[in-house]
Amino acid sequence: MPYADPKKRLERGRRYRAKYRKEINERRNQKRAEDPEKARAYARQYRAENLIKVRAYGRKYMRKVAELPDPTRPEPKYCECCAGLPNGNTAFLHLDHCHVTGRFRGWLCSSCNTGIGQLGDNLDGVYKALFYLQRYSPRVIFAPDLEYAD
């Protein structure tokens, strides 16, 4: 076998794909056009078997498309807001950023990310929700350095 070494075989494949990229893409597109249902079924099967890989690629690609900031620290295991594990329909934390400045703020679980967004993504909305909860809560919530509205 001319390329028994796996590294050499991998490099040969890369060179081939780079050289014949146009022909490979045309052949793939032609097969998809001939039987689109088969292509969709294959794509569904691939996504189901490689969900983590597909989501990671989508997150990386969508971050570039949406012009989200690059995180300044790696994704932690727990939400930086509630210290909980990732929840909702996702098995990962969401990149949170300021919509005014575009700066990275932290990593949030789905619940915290949605909650902060629904409160207007600003401190004013969070304070209003805090004051509301304090007004109708049977126990007093202690929050230092805040002026409470009556």
N, C-alpha and C. Protein backbone atom coordinates (compact mmCIF):
# COMPACT_ATOMS: atom_id res chain seq x y z
N MET A 1 0.86 -1.19 0.00
CA MET A 1 0.00 0.00 0.00
C MET A 1 0.90 1.23 0.00
N PRO A 2 0.70 2.14 -0.95
CA PRO A 2 1.61 3.28 -1.08
C PRO A 2 1.56 4.23 0.12
N TYR A 3 0.41 4.36 0.77
CA TYR A 3 0.30 5.29 1.89
C TYR A 3 -0.20 4.55 3.12
N ALA A 4 0.62 3.65 3.65
CA ALA A 4 0.24 2.91 4.84
C ALA A 4 0.26 3.81 6.06
N ASP A 5 1.10 4.83 6.02
CA ASP A 5 1.17 5.78 7.13
C ASP A 5 -0.10 6.64 7.14
N PRO A 6 -0.86 6.64 8.24
CA PRO A 6 -2.12 7.40 8.29
C PRO A 6 -1.94 8.90 8.04
N LYS A 7 -0.85 9.45 8.50
CA LYS A 7 -0.61 10.90 8.30
C LYS A 7 -0.42 11.22 6.82
N LYS A 8 0.33 10.38 6.13
CA LYS A 8 0.55 10.58 4.70
C LYS A 8 -0.75 10.40 3.92
N ARG A 9 -1.54 9.41 4.32
CA ARG A 9 -2.82 9.16 3.66
C ARG A 9 -3.77 10.34 3.86
N LEU A 10 -3.79 10.90 5.07
CA LEU A 10 -4.63 12.06 5.36
C LEU A 10 -4.20 13.27 4.52
N GLU A 11 -2.91 13.48 4.44
CA GLU A 11 -2.39 14.60 3.66
C GLU A 11 -2.69 14.42 2.17
N ARG A 12 -2.58 13.19 1.68
CA ARG A 12 -2.91 12.92 0.27
C ARG A 12 -4.37 13.24 -0.01
N GLY A 13 -5.27 12.85 0.91
CA GLY A 13 -6.68 13.15 0.75
C GLY A 13 -6.95 14.66 0.74
N ARG A 14 -6.26 15.38 1.61
CA ARG A 14 -6.42 16.84 1.63
C ARG A 14 -5.98 17.48 0.32
N ARG A 15 -4.85 17.02 -0.18
CA ARG A 15 -4.36 17.57 -1.46
C ARG A 15 -5.34 17.27 -2.59
N TYR A 16 -5.87 16.04 -2.61
CA TYR A 16 -6.83 15.65 -3.65
C TYR A 16 -8.08 16.53 -3.58
N ARG A 17 -8.63 16.69 -2.36
CA ARG A 17 -9.84 17.50 -2.22
C ARG A 17 -9.60 18.96 -2.58
N ALA A 18 -8.42 19.47 -2.27
CA ALA A 18 -8.10 20.85 -2.62
C ALA A 18 -7.98 21.00 -4.14
N LYS A 19 -7.37 20.02 -4.79
CA LYS A 19 -7.16 20.09 -6.24
C LYS A 19 -8.46 19.92 -7.02
N TYR A 20 -9.34 19.03 -6.56
CA TYR A 20 -10.57 18.71 -7.29
C TYR A 20 -11.83 19.20 -6.57
N ARG A 21 -11.71 20.27 -5.79
CA ARG A 21 -12.83 20.79 -5.01
C ARG A 21 -14.06 21.09 -5.88
N LYS A 22 -13.84 21.74 -7.01
CA LYS A 22 -14.96 22.10 -7.89
C LYS A 22 -15.69 20.86 -8.39
N GLU A 23 -14.95 19.87 -8.86
CA GLU A 23 -15.56 18.65 -9.37
C GLU A 23 -16.30 17.89 -8.27
N ILE A 24 -15.71 17.84 -7.09
CA ILE A 24 -16.34 17.14 -5.96
C ILE A 24 -17.66 17.82 -5.60
N ASN A 25 -17.66 19.14 -5.54
CA ASN A 25 -18.89 19.88 -5.21
C ASN A 25 -19.96 19.69 -6.28
N GLU A 26 -19.57 19.71 -7.55
CA GLU A 26 -20.53 19.51 -8.64
C GLU A 26 -21.16 18.13 -8.56
N ARG A 27 -20.34 17.11 -8.31
CA ARG A 27 -20.83 15.73 -8.20
C ARG A 27 -21.80 15.60 -7.01
N ARG A 28 -21.45 16.20 -5.87
CA ARG A 28 -22.31 16.15 -4.69
C ARG A 28 -23.64 16.87 -4.95
N ASN A 29 -23.59 18.04 -5.56
CA ASN A 29 -24.81 18.80 -5.86
C ASN A 29 -25.70 18.06 -6.85
N GLN A 30 -25.09 17.38 -7.82
CA GLN A 30 -25.86 16.61 -8.80
C GLN A 30 -26.59 15.45 -8.11
N LYS A 31 -25.90 14.76 -7.19
CA LYS A 31 -26.53 13.65 -6.47
C LYS A 31 -27.69 14.15 -5.61
N ARG A 32 -27.51 15.32 -5.00
CA ARG A 32 -28.59 15.90 -4.19
C ARG A 32 -29.80 16.26 -5.05
N ALA A 33 -29.53 16.80 -6.24
CA ALA A 33 -30.61 17.21 -7.13
C ALA A 33 -31.37 15.98 -7.67
N GLU A 34 -30.67 14.89 -7.89
CA GLU A 34 -31.31 13.68 -8.41
C GLU A 34 -32.28 13.07 -7.41
N ASP A 35 -31.93 13.09 -6.13
CA ASP A 35 -32.79 12.50 -5.10
C ASP A 35 -32.75 13.36 -3.83
N PRO A 36 -33.50 14.48 -3.83
CA PRO A 36 -33.44 15.40 -2.69
C PRO A 36 -33.96 14.77 -1.39
N GLU A 37 -34.94 13.88 -1.49
CA GLU A 37 -35.46 13.26 -0.26
C GLU A 37 -34.39 12.38 0.40
N LYS A 38 -33.62 11.67 -0.39
CA LYS A 38 -32.54 10.84 0.14
C LYS A 38 -31.48 11.72 0.81
N ALA A 39 -31.18 12.86 0.19
CA ALA A 39 -30.20 13.79 0.76
C ALA A 39 -30.70 14.35 2.09
N ARG A 40 -31.99 14.71 2.16
CA ARG A 40 -32.56 15.22 3.41
C ARG A 40 -32.56 14.15 4.49
N ALA A 41 -32.87 12.92 4.12
CA ALA A 41 -32.87 11.81 5.09
C ALA A 41 -31.47 11.59 5.63
N TYR A 42 -30.48 11.64 4.75
CA TYR A 42 -29.09 11.47 5.19
C TYR A 42 -28.70 12.60 6.14
N ALA A 43 -29.08 13.83 5.81
CA ALA A 43 -28.74 14.98 6.66
C ALA A 43 -29.40 14.85 8.03
N ARG A 44 -30.67 14.42 8.06
CA ARG A 44 -31.36 14.21 9.34
C ARG A 44 -30.65 13.15 10.18
N GLN A 45 -30.27 12.05 9.53
CA GLN A 45 -29.59 10.96 10.23
C GLN A 45 -28.24 11.44 10.77
N TYR A 46 -27.50 12.18 9.97
CA TYR A 46 -26.19 12.68 10.40
C TYR A 46 -26.34 13.60 11.60
N ARG A 47 -27.32 14.54 11.53
CA ARG A 47 -27.54 15.46 12.65
C ARG A 47 -27.92 14.70 13.92
N ALA A 48 -28.76 13.68 13.80
CA ALA A 48 -29.18 12.90 14.97
C ALA A 48 -28.01 12.15 15.59
N GLU A 49 -27.11 11.63 14.77
CA GLU A 49 -25.98 10.85 15.28
C GLU A 49 -24.83 11.73 15.76
N ASN A 50 -24.76 12.97 15.29
CA ASN A 50 -23.64 13.86 15.62
C ASN A 50 -24.14 15.20 16.16
N LEU A 51 -25.10 15.16 17.05
CA LEU A 51 -25.76 16.37 17.53
C LEU A 51 -24.79 17.36 18.17
N ILE A 52 -23.91 16.89 19.03
CA ILE A 52 -22.96 17.78 19.72
C ILE A 52 -22.05 18.44 18.70
N LYS A 53 -21.55 17.67 17.75
CA LYS A 53 -20.65 18.19 16.72
C LYS A 53 -21.36 19.23 15.84
N VAL A 54 -22.60 18.94 15.46
CA VAL A 54 -23.37 19.85 14.61
C VAL A 54 -23.65 21.15 15.35
N ARG A 55 -24.04 21.05 16.62
CA ARG A 55 -24.32 22.26 17.41
C ARG A 55 -23.07 23.09 17.61
N ALA A 56 -21.95 22.44 17.89
CA ALA A 56 -20.69 23.17 18.09
C ALA A 56 -20.30 23.92 16.82
N TYR A 57 -20.45 23.27 15.67
CA TYR A 57 -20.13 23.92 14.39
C TYR A 57 -21.08 25.10 14.16
N GLY A 58 -22.37 24.88 14.42
CA GLY A 58 -23.35 25.95 14.23
C GLY A 58 -23.07 27.14 15.13
N ARG A 59 -22.71 26.87 16.39
CA ARG A 59 -22.41 27.96 17.32
C ARG A 59 -21.20 28.75 16.85
N LYS A 60 -20.18 28.04 16.41
CA LYS A 60 -18.96 28.71 15.94
C LYS A 60 -19.26 29.54 14.70
N TYR A 61 -19.99 28.96 13.75
CA TYR A 61 -20.30 29.66 12.51
C TYR A 61 -21.24 30.83 12.75
N MET A 62 -22.29 30.61 13.56
CA MET A 62 -23.28 31.67 13.80
C MET A 62 -22.68 32.83 14.58
N ARG A 63 -21.71 32.56 15.44
CA ARG A 63 -21.05 33.64 16.17
C ARG A 63 -20.39 34.60 15.18
N LYS A 64 -19.79 34.05 14.13
CA LYS A 64 -19.14 34.89 13.13
C LYS A 64 -20.17 35.64 12.30
N VAL A 65 -21.26 34.97 11.92
CA VAL A 65 -22.30 35.60 11.10
C VAL A 65 -23.00 36.71 11.87
N ALA A 66 -23.31 36.45 13.15
CA ALA A 66 -24.03 37.42 13.97
C ALA A 66 -23.10 38.49 14.53
N GLU A 67 -21.81 38.38 14.25
CA GLU A 67 -20.81 39.32 14.73
C GLU A 67 -20.82 39.42 16.26
N LEU A 68 -20.95 38.27 16.91
CA LEU A 68 -20.86 38.23 18.36
C LEU A 68 -19.40 38.34 18.76
N PRO A 69 -19.15 38.88 19.95
CA PRO A 69 -17.75 39.02 20.39
C PRO A 69 -17.14 37.66 20.71
N ASP A 70 -15.84 37.59 20.60
CA ASP A 70 -15.15 36.39 21.04
C ASP A 70 -15.11 36.40 22.55
N PRO A 71 -15.38 35.27 23.18
CA PRO A 71 -15.36 35.24 24.65
C PRO A 71 -13.96 35.50 25.18
N THR A 72 -13.88 36.16 26.34
CA THR A 72 -12.59 36.45 26.95
C THR A 72 -12.15 35.35 27.90
N ARG A 73 -13.03 34.37 28.13
CA ARG A 73 -12.70 33.23 28.97
C ARG A 73 -13.44 32.01 28.43
N PRO A 74 -12.93 30.80 28.71
CA PRO A 74 -13.58 29.60 28.19
C PRO A 74 -14.94 29.35 28.84
N GLU A 75 -15.76 28.57 28.16
CA GLU A 75 -17.09 28.24 28.68
C GLU A 75 -16.96 27.39 29.93
N PRO A 76 -17.54 27.85 31.06
CA PRO A 76 -17.45 27.06 32.29
C PRO A 76 -18.47 25.93 32.30
N LYS A 77 -18.46 25.15 33.37
CA LYS A 77 -19.40 24.04 33.50
C LYS A 77 -20.76 24.54 33.99
N TYR A 78 -20.76 25.64 34.76
CA TYR A 78 -21.98 26.15 35.37
C TYR A 78 -22.30 27.57 34.90
N CYS A 79 -23.58 27.93 34.96
CA CYS A 79 -24.04 29.27 34.61
C CYS A 79 -23.40 30.29 35.55
N GLU A 80 -22.93 31.40 35.01
CA GLU A 80 -22.29 32.42 35.82
C GLU A 80 -23.30 33.32 36.53
N CYS A 81 -24.57 33.13 36.28
CA CYS A 81 -25.62 33.91 36.93
C CYS A 81 -26.24 33.12 38.08
N CYS A 82 -26.71 31.91 37.83
CA CYS A 82 -27.42 31.13 38.85
C CYS A 82 -26.60 29.95 39.37
N ALA A 83 -25.44 29.71 38.81
CA ALA A 83 -24.55 28.59 39.18
C ALA A 83 -25.18 27.23 38.88
N GLY A 84 -26.19 27.20 37.98
CA GLY A 84 -26.82 25.95 37.60
C GLY A 84 -26.19 25.35 36.36
N LEU A 85 -26.55 24.11 36.08
CA LEU A 85 -26.09 23.44 34.86
C LEU A 85 -26.85 23.97 33.66
N PRO A 86 -26.32 23.80 32.46
CA PRO A 86 -27.08 24.19 31.27
C PRO A 86 -28.44 23.51 31.26
N ASN A 87 -29.47 24.23 30.84
CA ASN A 87 -30.82 23.68 30.86
C ASN A 87 -31.57 24.05 29.59
N GLY A 88 -32.82 23.73 29.53
CA GLY A 88 -33.61 23.99 28.33
C GLY A 88 -33.33 22.94 27.27
N ASN A 89 -33.44 23.35 26.02
CA ASN A 89 -33.22 22.42 24.91
C ASN A 89 -31.75 22.32 24.52
N THR A 90 -30.89 22.99 25.28
CA THR A 90 -29.48 23.02 24.91
C THR A 90 -28.63 22.35 25.98
N ALA A 91 -27.54 21.77 25.56
CA ALA A 91 -26.61 21.12 26.48
C ALA A 91 -25.38 22.00 26.67
N PHE A 92 -25.53 23.30 26.45
CA PHE A 92 -24.40 24.21 26.56
C PHE A 92 -24.87 25.54 27.12
N LEU A 93 -23.93 26.36 27.53
CA LEU A 93 -24.24 27.70 28.02
C LEU A 93 -24.23 28.69 26.86
N HIS A 94 -24.96 29.78 27.03
CA HIS A 94 -25.07 30.79 25.99
C HIS A 94 -24.08 31.92 26.23
N LEU A 95 -23.51 32.43 25.16
CA LEU A 95 -22.61 33.57 25.23
C LEU A 95 -23.46 34.82 25.43
N ASP A 96 -23.27 35.53 26.53
CA ASP A 96 -24.02 36.75 26.81
C ASP A 96 -23.15 37.95 26.48
N HIS A 97 -23.75 38.93 25.84
CA HIS A 97 -23.00 40.14 25.47
C HIS A 97 -23.88 41.36 25.61
N CYS A 98 -23.25 42.52 25.76
CA CYS A 98 -23.98 43.78 25.86
C CYS A 98 -24.40 44.19 24.45
N HIS A 99 -25.68 44.48 24.27
CA HIS A 99 -26.18 44.84 22.95
C HIS A 99 -25.82 46.27 22.56
N VAL A 100 -25.40 47.08 23.52
CA VAL A 100 -25.01 48.47 23.22
C VAL A 100 -23.55 48.53 22.82
N THR A 101 -22.68 47.95 23.66
CA THR A 101 -21.24 48.02 23.40
C THR A 101 -20.72 46.83 22.62
N GLY A 102 -21.45 45.71 22.66
CA GLY A 102 -21.01 44.50 21.96
C GLY A 102 -20.00 43.70 22.76
N ARG A 103 -19.70 44.10 23.99
CA ARG A 103 -18.70 43.41 24.79
C ARG A 103 -19.26 42.12 25.40
N PHE A 104 -18.39 41.13 25.50
CA PHE A 104 -18.73 39.85 26.11
C PHE A 104 -18.94 40.06 27.61
N ARG A 105 -20.04 39.49 28.16
CA ARG A 105 -20.31 39.61 29.59
C ARG A 105 -20.09 38.30 30.33
N GLY A 106 -20.50 37.19 29.77
CA GLY A 106 -20.35 35.93 30.48
C GLY A 106 -21.11 34.81 29.83
N TRP A 107 -21.18 33.69 30.55
CA TRP A 107 -21.85 32.48 30.07
C TRP A 107 -23.09 32.23 30.91
N LEU A 108 -24.25 32.09 30.26
CA LEU A 108 -25.52 31.92 30.95
C LEU A 108 -26.24 30.66 30.49
N CYS A 109 -27.01 30.07 31.42
CA CYS A 109 -27.88 28.96 31.04
C CYS A 109 -29.05 29.52 30.24
N SER A 110 -29.82 28.66 29.65
CA SER A 110 -30.94 29.09 28.82
C SER A 110 -31.94 29.92 29.61
N SER A 111 -32.24 29.50 30.85
CA SER A 111 -33.22 30.22 31.67
C SER A 111 -32.76 31.63 32.00
N CYS A 112 -31.53 31.77 32.45
CA CYS A 112 -31.01 33.10 32.80
C CYS A 112 -30.89 33.99 31.57
N ASN A 113 -30.43 33.42 30.46
CA ASN A 113 -30.30 34.19 29.23
C ASN A 113 -31.65 34.72 28.76
N THR A 114 -32.67 33.86 28.80
CA THR A 114 -34.03 34.26 28.40
C THR A 114 -34.59 35.28 29.38
N GLY A 115 -34.40 35.03 30.67
CA GLY A 115 -34.92 35.93 31.69
C GLY A 115 -34.34 37.33 31.59
N ILE A 116 -33.03 37.42 31.45
CA ILE A 116 -32.39 38.73 31.34
C ILE A 116 -32.85 39.43 30.06
N GLY A 117 -33.00 38.68 29.00
CA GLY A 117 -33.49 39.28 27.74
C GLY A 117 -34.91 39.78 27.88
N GLN A 118 -35.78 39.02 28.55
CA GLN A 118 -37.17 39.44 28.73
C GLN A 118 -37.27 40.66 29.65
N LEU A 119 -36.30 40.85 30.53
CA LEU A 119 -36.31 42.01 31.42
C LEU A 119 -35.68 43.24 30.77
N GLY A 120 -35.40 43.16 29.50
CA GLY A 120 -34.90 44.32 28.76
C GLY A 120 -33.40 44.38 28.62
N ASP A 121 -32.70 43.37 29.13
CA ASP A 121 -31.25 43.30 28.99
C ASP A 121 -30.56 44.50 29.63
N ASN A 122 -31.18 45.04 30.71
CA ASN A 122 -30.57 46.18 31.41
C ASN A 122 -30.92 46.13 32.90
N LEU A 123 -30.19 46.92 33.68
CA LEU A 123 -30.39 46.92 35.13
C LEU A 123 -31.75 47.48 35.53
N ASP A 124 -32.26 48.42 34.78
CA ASP A 124 -33.56 49.02 35.11
C ASP A 124 -34.65 47.93 35.16
N GLY A 125 -34.68 47.06 34.18
CA GLY A 125 -35.67 45.99 34.16
C GLY A 125 -35.47 45.00 35.30
N VAL A 126 -34.22 44.72 35.63
CA VAL A 126 -33.92 43.79 36.72
C VAL A 126 -34.35 44.40 38.05
N TYR A 127 -34.08 45.70 38.27
CA TYR A 127 -34.49 46.37 39.51
C TYR A 127 -36.00 46.39 39.65
N LYS A 128 -36.70 46.67 38.57
CA LYS A 128 -38.16 46.68 38.62
C LYS A 128 -38.70 45.31 39.02
N ALA A 129 -38.12 44.25 38.45
CA ALA A 129 -38.55 42.89 38.80
C ALA A 129 -38.21 42.58 40.26
N LEU A 130 -37.04 43.02 40.74
CA LEU A 130 -36.65 42.80 42.12
C LEU A 130 -37.61 43.51 43.07
N PHE A 131 -37.92 44.76 42.79
CA PHE A 131 -38.83 45.51 43.65
C PHE A 131 -40.22 44.88 43.64
N TYR A 132 -40.66 44.42 42.50
CA TYR A 132 -41.96 43.75 42.41
C TYR A 132 -41.99 42.51 43.29
N LEU A 133 -40.96 41.69 43.19
CA LEU A 133 -40.91 40.46 43.99
C LEU A 133 -40.83 40.77 45.48
N GLN A 134 -40.09 41.81 45.83
CA GLN A 134 -39.99 42.18 47.24
C GLN A 134 -41.34 42.65 47.79
N ARG A 135 -42.08 43.36 46.97
CA ARG A 135 -43.37 43.90 47.39
C ARG A 135 -44.35 42.77 47.72
N TYR A 136 -44.31 41.70 46.97
CA TYR A 136 -45.28 40.62 47.15
C TYR A 136 -44.68 39.35 47.75
N SER A 137 -43.47 39.41 48.24
CA SER A 137 -42.83 38.24 48.81
C SER A 137 -43.12 38.17 50.30
N PRO A 138 -43.39 36.96 50.84
CA PRO A 138 -43.66 36.83 52.27
C PRO A 138 -42.40 37.06 53.12
N ARG A 139 -41.23 36.92 52.53
CA ARG A 139 -40.00 37.18 53.27
C ARG A 139 -39.23 38.29 52.58
N VAL A 140 -38.42 38.97 53.32
CA VAL A 140 -37.66 40.11 52.79
C VAL A 140 -36.42 39.58 52.10
N ILE A 141 -36.17 40.08 50.91
CA ILE A 141 -34.97 39.73 50.15
C ILE A 141 -33.96 40.83 50.44
N PHE A 142 -32.79 40.45 50.93
CA PHE A 142 -31.77 41.44 51.26
C PHE A 142 -30.92 41.71 50.02
N ALA A 143 -30.84 42.96 49.66
CA ALA A 143 -29.98 43.38 48.56
C ALA A 143 -29.28 44.66 49.00
N PRO A 144 -28.01 44.59 49.36
CA PRO A 144 -27.31 45.77 49.86
C PRO A 144 -27.15 46.83 48.79
N ASP A 145 -27.06 48.07 49.24
CA ASP A 145 -26.79 49.22 48.38
C ASP A 145 -27.89 49.49 47.35
N LEU A 146 -29.11 49.10 47.62
CA LEU A 146 -30.21 49.40 46.71
C LEU A 146 -31.22 50.29 47.44
N GLU A 147 -31.74 51.25 46.72
CA GLU A 147 -32.82 52.07 47.28
C GLU A 147 -34.12 51.45 46.85
N TYR A 148 -34.96 51.13 47.83
CA TYR A 148 -36.20 50.43 47.54
C TYR A 148 -37.32 51.42 47.28
N ALA A 149 -38.09 51.15 46.23
CA ALA A 149 -39.23 52.01 45.90
C ALA A 149 -40.43 51.60 46.74
N ASP A 150 -41.19 52.58 47.20
CA ASP A 150 -42.40 52.28 47.99
C ASP A 150 -43.63 52.33 47.12
